[in-house]
Amino acid sequence: MVATEPALQATLFGARRYAEVVLADFDGQPAGFALYFHNYSTFLARPGLYLEDLFVDPAIRKHGVGRALLQQLARTAAERGCGRLEWSALKWNRLAIDFYLRLGAVPMDEWCIYRLSGEALLRLAGPQS
């Protein structure tokens, strides 16, 4: 983890906000969050929501908090005219995958995620003006 509080403050609450967050509580206590942002599908010609992080306090899991967070994101997507809600899951995270499948999510097995970061990203970006 390399995130810092100032970086989170700037990117989530600064002049340009890159993501939104839904917070959950359980019995008046913080219970979890879902951090998401818009993406766009040229195939659908509609925006979508991408769930970047879903977290529920381990002590509160199995009480419907994760489902409630995803339900709120589904409502947000529907209200905003989004064509889909997407996210990634680590292949070894069987508990999460089973949870997502119970919600009706479908794995996109024909897709593979690619990432450029660090030196590879800077190398492709080339000289900055």
C-alpha atoms as a PDB file:
ATOM      1  CA  MET A   1       0.000   0.000   0.000  1.00  0.00           C
ATOM      2  CA  VAL A   2       1.506   3.303  -1.079  1.00  0.00           C
ATOM      3  CA  ALA A   3      -1.539   5.558  -0.667  1.00  0.00           C
ATOM      4  CA  THR A   4      -1.150   8.464   1.720  1.00  0.00           C
ATOM      5  CA  GLU A   5      -3.769  10.559   3.453  1.00  0.00           C
ATOM      6  CA  PRO A   6      -2.795  13.710   1.476  1.00  0.00           C
ATOM      7  CA  ALA A   7      -3.023  11.789  -1.812  1.00  0.00           C
ATOM      8  CA  LEU A   8      -6.456  10.420  -0.880  1.00  0.00           C
ATOM      9  CA  GLN A   9      -7.571  13.893   0.163  1.00  0.00           C
ATOM     10  CA  ALA A  10      -6.448  15.410  -3.140  1.00  0.00           C
ATOM     11  CA  THR A  11      -7.886  12.722  -5.433  1.00  0.00           C
ATOM     12  CA  LEU A  12     -11.155  12.046  -3.607  1.00  0.00           C
ATOM     13  CA  PHE A  13     -12.005  15.475  -2.189  1.00  0.00           C
ATOM     14  CA  GLY A  14      -9.892  17.933  -4.215  1.00  0.00           C
ATOM     15  CA  ALA A  15     -10.739  20.127  -7.179  1.00  0.00           C
ATOM     16  CA  ARG A  16     -10.959  17.106  -9.497  1.00  0.00           C
ATOM     17  CA  ARG A  17     -12.582  14.127  -7.833  1.00  0.00           C
ATOM     18  CA  TYR A  18     -11.613  10.887  -9.486  1.00  0.00           C
ATOM     19  CA  ALA A  19     -13.925   8.559  -7.579  1.00  0.00           C
ATOM     20  CA  GLU A  20     -16.953   8.418  -5.330  1.00  0.00           C
ATOM     21  CA  VAL A  21     -17.496   6.453  -2.141  1.00  0.00           C
ATOM     22  CA  VAL A  22     -20.513   4.882  -0.482  1.00  0.00           C
ATOM     23  CA  LEU A  23     -20.071   4.351   3.250  1.00  0.00           C
ATOM     24  CA  ALA A  24     -21.914   1.728   5.273  1.00  0.00           C
ATOM     25  CA  ASP A  25     -22.652   1.540   8.957  1.00  0.00           C
ATOM     26  CA  PHE A  26     -23.947  -1.327  11.044  1.00  0.00           C
ATOM     27  CA  ASP A  27     -25.598  -0.597  14.377  1.00  0.00           C
ATOM     28  CA  GLY A  28     -24.231   2.951  14.207  1.00  0.00           C
ATOM     29  CA  GLN A  29     -20.623   1.858  13.651  1.00  0.00           C
ATOM     30  CA  PRO A  30     -18.531   2.179  10.447  1.00  0.00           C
ATOM     31  CA  ALA A  31     -18.869  -1.130   8.631  1.00  0.00           C
ATOM     32  CA  GLY A  32     -17.453  -0.766   5.131  1.00  0.00           C
ATOM     33  CA  PHE A  33     -17.244   1.152   1.889  1.00  0.00           C
ATOM     34  CA  ALA A  34     -17.486   0.870  -1.875  1.00  0.00           C
ATOM     35  CA  LEU A  35     -15.250   3.120  -3.984  1.00  0.00           C
ATOM     36  CA  TYR A  36     -16.284   3.503  -7.625  1.00  0.00           C
ATOM     37  CA  PHE A  37     -15.940   5.683 -10.703  1.00  0.00           C
ATOM     38  CA  HIS A  38     -17.508   6.049 -14.128  1.00  0.00           C
ATOM     39  CA  ASN A  39     -16.215   4.316 -17.215  1.00  0.00           C
ATOM     40  CA  TYR A  40     -17.712   4.282 -20.692  1.00  0.00           C
ATOM     41  CA  SER A  41     -18.755   1.579 -23.146  1.00  0.00           C
ATOM     42  CA  THR A  42     -18.576   2.461 -26.829  1.00  0.00           C
ATOM     43  CA  PHE A  43     -20.361  -0.838 -27.491  1.00  0.00           C
ATOM     44  CA  LEU A  44     -23.365   0.301 -25.423  1.00  0.00           C
ATOM     45  CA  ALA A  45     -22.863   4.041 -26.020  1.00  0.00           C
ATOM     46  CA  ARG A  46     -23.561   4.434 -22.311  1.00  0.00           C
ATOM     47  CA  PRO A  47     -21.595   5.087 -19.161  1.00  0.00           C
ATOM     48  CA  GLY A  48     -20.923   2.382 -16.635  1.00  0.00           C
ATOM     49  CA  LEU A  49     -19.772   2.179 -13.045  1.00  0.00           C
ATOM     50  CA  TYR A  50     -16.548   0.453 -12.088  1.00  0.00           C
ATOM     51  CA  LEU A  51     -16.230  -0.770  -8.521  1.00  0.00           C
ATOM     52  CA  GLU A  52     -12.573  -0.361  -7.560  1.00  0.00           C
ATOM     53  CA  ASP A  53     -12.753  -1.359  -3.896  1.00  0.00           C
ATOM     54  CA  LEU A  54     -15.337  -3.091  -1.768  1.00  0.00           C
ATOM     55  CA  PHE A  55     -14.493  -3.513   1.890  1.00  0.00           C
ATOM     56  CA  VAL A  56     -16.556  -4.774   4.801  1.00  0.00           C
ATOM     57  CA  ASP A  57     -15.094  -4.996   8.293  1.00  0.00           C
ATOM     58  CA  PRO A  58     -14.329  -8.712   8.834  1.00  0.00           C
ATOM     59  CA  ALA A  59     -16.121  -8.632  12.209  1.00  0.00           C
ATOM     60  CA  ILE A  60     -19.329  -7.510  10.478  1.00  0.00           C
ATOM     61  CA  ARG A  61     -19.274  -9.743   7.405  1.00  0.00           C
ATOM     62  CA  LYS A  62     -22.239 -12.078   6.795  1.00  0.00           C
ATOM     63  CA  HIS A  63     -24.713  -9.382   7.933  1.00  0.00           C
ATOM     64  CA  GLY A  64     -25.694  -8.057   4.483  1.00  0.00           C
ATOM     65  CA  VAL A  65     -23.395  -5.025   4.433  1.00  0.00           C
ATOM     66  CA  GLY A  66     -21.598  -6.027   1.218  1.00  0.00           C
ATOM     67  CA  ARG A  67     -24.894  -6.764  -0.490  1.00  0.00           C
ATOM     68  CA  ALA A  68     -26.301  -3.397   0.661  1.00  0.00           C
ATOM     69  CA  LEU A  69     -23.248  -1.573  -0.725  1.00  0.00           C
ATOM     70  CA  LEU A  70     -23.518  -3.293  -4.106  1.00  0.00           C
ATOM     71  CA  GLN A  71     -27.268  -2.727  -4.129  1.00  0.00           C
ATOM     72  CA  GLN A  72     -26.656   0.997  -3.646  1.00  0.00           C
ATOM     73  CA  LEU A  73     -24.170   1.004  -6.517  1.00  0.00           C
ATOM     74  CA  ALA A  74     -26.715  -0.811  -8.705  1.00  0.00           C
ATOM     75  CA  ARG A  75     -29.293   1.863  -7.832  1.00  0.00           C
ATOM     76  CA  THR A  76     -26.789   4.613  -8.647  1.00  0.00           C
ATOM     77  CA  ALA A  77     -25.968   2.952 -11.967  1.00  0.00           C
ATOM     78  CA  ALA A  78     -29.656   2.653 -12.852  1.00  0.00           C
ATOM     79  CA  GLU A  79     -30.409   6.259 -11.835  1.00  0.00           C
ATOM     80  CA  ARG A  80     -27.500   7.536 -13.950  1.00  0.00           C
ATOM     81  CA  GLY A  81     -28.457   5.513 -17.014  1.00  0.00           C
ATOM     82  CA  CYS A  82     -25.436   3.250 -16.816  1.00  0.00           C
ATOM     83  CA  GLY A  83     -25.392   0.107 -18.899  1.00  0.00           C
ATOM     84  CA  ARG A  84     -23.417  -1.966 -16.426  1.00  0.00           C
ATOM     85  CA  LEU A  85     -21.614  -2.274 -13.117  1.00  0.00           C
ATOM     86  CA  GLU A  86     -18.253  -4.011 -13.302  1.00  0.00           C
ATOM     87  CA  TRP A  87     -15.375  -4.964 -11.024  1.00  0.00           C
ATOM     88  CA  SER A  88     -12.451  -7.350 -10.786  1.00  0.00           C
ATOM     89  CA  ALA A  89     -11.822 -10.116  -8.294  1.00  0.00           C
ATOM     90  CA  LEU A  90      -8.639 -11.997  -7.567  1.00  0.00           C
ATOM     91  CA  LYS A  91      -8.947 -15.561  -8.850  1.00  0.00           C
ATOM     92  CA  TRP A  92      -7.977 -17.012  -5.472  1.00  0.00           C
ATOM     93  CA  ASN A  93     -10.635 -15.034  -3.555  1.00  0.00           C
ATOM     94  CA  ARG A  94     -13.256 -17.798  -3.635  1.00  0.00           C
ATOM     95  CA  LEU A  95     -15.401 -16.265  -0.880  1.00  0.00           C
ATOM     96  CA  ALA A  96     -15.756 -13.015  -2.837  1.00  0.00           C
ATOM     97  CA  ILE A  97     -16.369 -14.823  -6.123  1.00  0.00           C
ATOM     98  CA  ASP A  98     -19.085 -17.001  -4.602  1.00  0.00           C
ATOM     99  CA  PHE A  99     -20.698 -13.877  -3.102  1.00  0.00           C
ATOM    100  CA  TYR A 100     -20.682 -12.120  -6.477  1.00  0.00           C
ATOM    101  CA  LEU A 101     -22.141 -15.160  -8.229  1.00  0.00           C
ATOM    102  CA  ARG A 102     -24.984 -15.325  -5.674  1.00  0.00           C
ATOM    103  CA  LEU A 103     -25.816 -11.718  -6.595  1.00  0.00           C
ATOM    104  CA  GLY A 104     -26.142 -12.699 -10.250  1.00  0.00           C
ATOM    105  CA  ALA A 105     -22.772 -11.401 -11.451  1.00  0.00           C
ATOM    106  CA  VAL A 106     -21.237 -13.136 -14.453  1.00  0.00           C
ATOM    107  CA  PRO A 107     -17.483 -13.679 -14.820  1.00  0.00           C
ATOM    108  CA  MET A 108     -16.006 -12.216 -17.995  1.00  0.00           C
ATOM    109  CA  ASP A 109     -13.715 -15.157 -18.722  1.00  0.00           C
ATOM    110  CA  GLU A 110     -12.943 -14.031 -22.261  1.00  0.00           C
ATOM    111  CA  TRP A 111     -11.380 -10.782 -20.987  1.00  0.00           C
ATOM    112  CA  CYS A 112      -7.914 -10.364 -19.539  1.00  0.00           C
ATOM    113  CA  ILE A 113      -6.867  -7.295 -17.554  1.00  0.00           C
ATOM    114  CA  TYR A 114      -3.674  -5.527 -18.605  1.00  0.00           C
ATOM    115  CA  ARG A 115      -1.866  -2.889 -16.591  1.00  0.00           C
ATOM    116  CA  LEU A 116       0.890  -0.376 -17.165  1.00  0.00           C
ATOM    117  CA  SER A 117       2.419   1.132 -14.041  1.00  0.00           C
ATOM    118  CA  GLY A 118       5.695   2.406 -12.682  1.00  0.00           C
ATOM    119  CA  GLU A 119       8.582   2.468 -15.131  1.00  0.00           C
ATOM    120  CA  ALA A 120       6.605   0.827 -17.941  1.00  0.00           C
ATOM    121  CA  LEU A 121       3.949   3.565 -17.751  1.00  0.00           C
ATOM    122  CA  LEU A 122       6.549   6.336 -17.710  1.00  0.00           C
ATOM    123  CA  ARG A 123       8.482   4.739 -20.571  1.00  0.00           C
ATOM    124  CA  LEU A 124       5.364   4.584 -22.769  1.00  0.00           C
ATOM    125  CA  ALA A 125       4.376   8.139 -21.804  1.00  0.00           C
ATOM    126  CA  GLY A 126       7.717   9.370 -23.119  1.00  0.00           C
ATOM    127  CA  PRO A 127       9.219  12.771 -22.373  1.00  0.00           C
ATOM    128  CA  GLN A 128       6.927  15.202 -20.601  1.00  0.00           C
ATOM    129  CA  SER A 129       6.725  18.765 -21.850  1.00  0.00           C
END
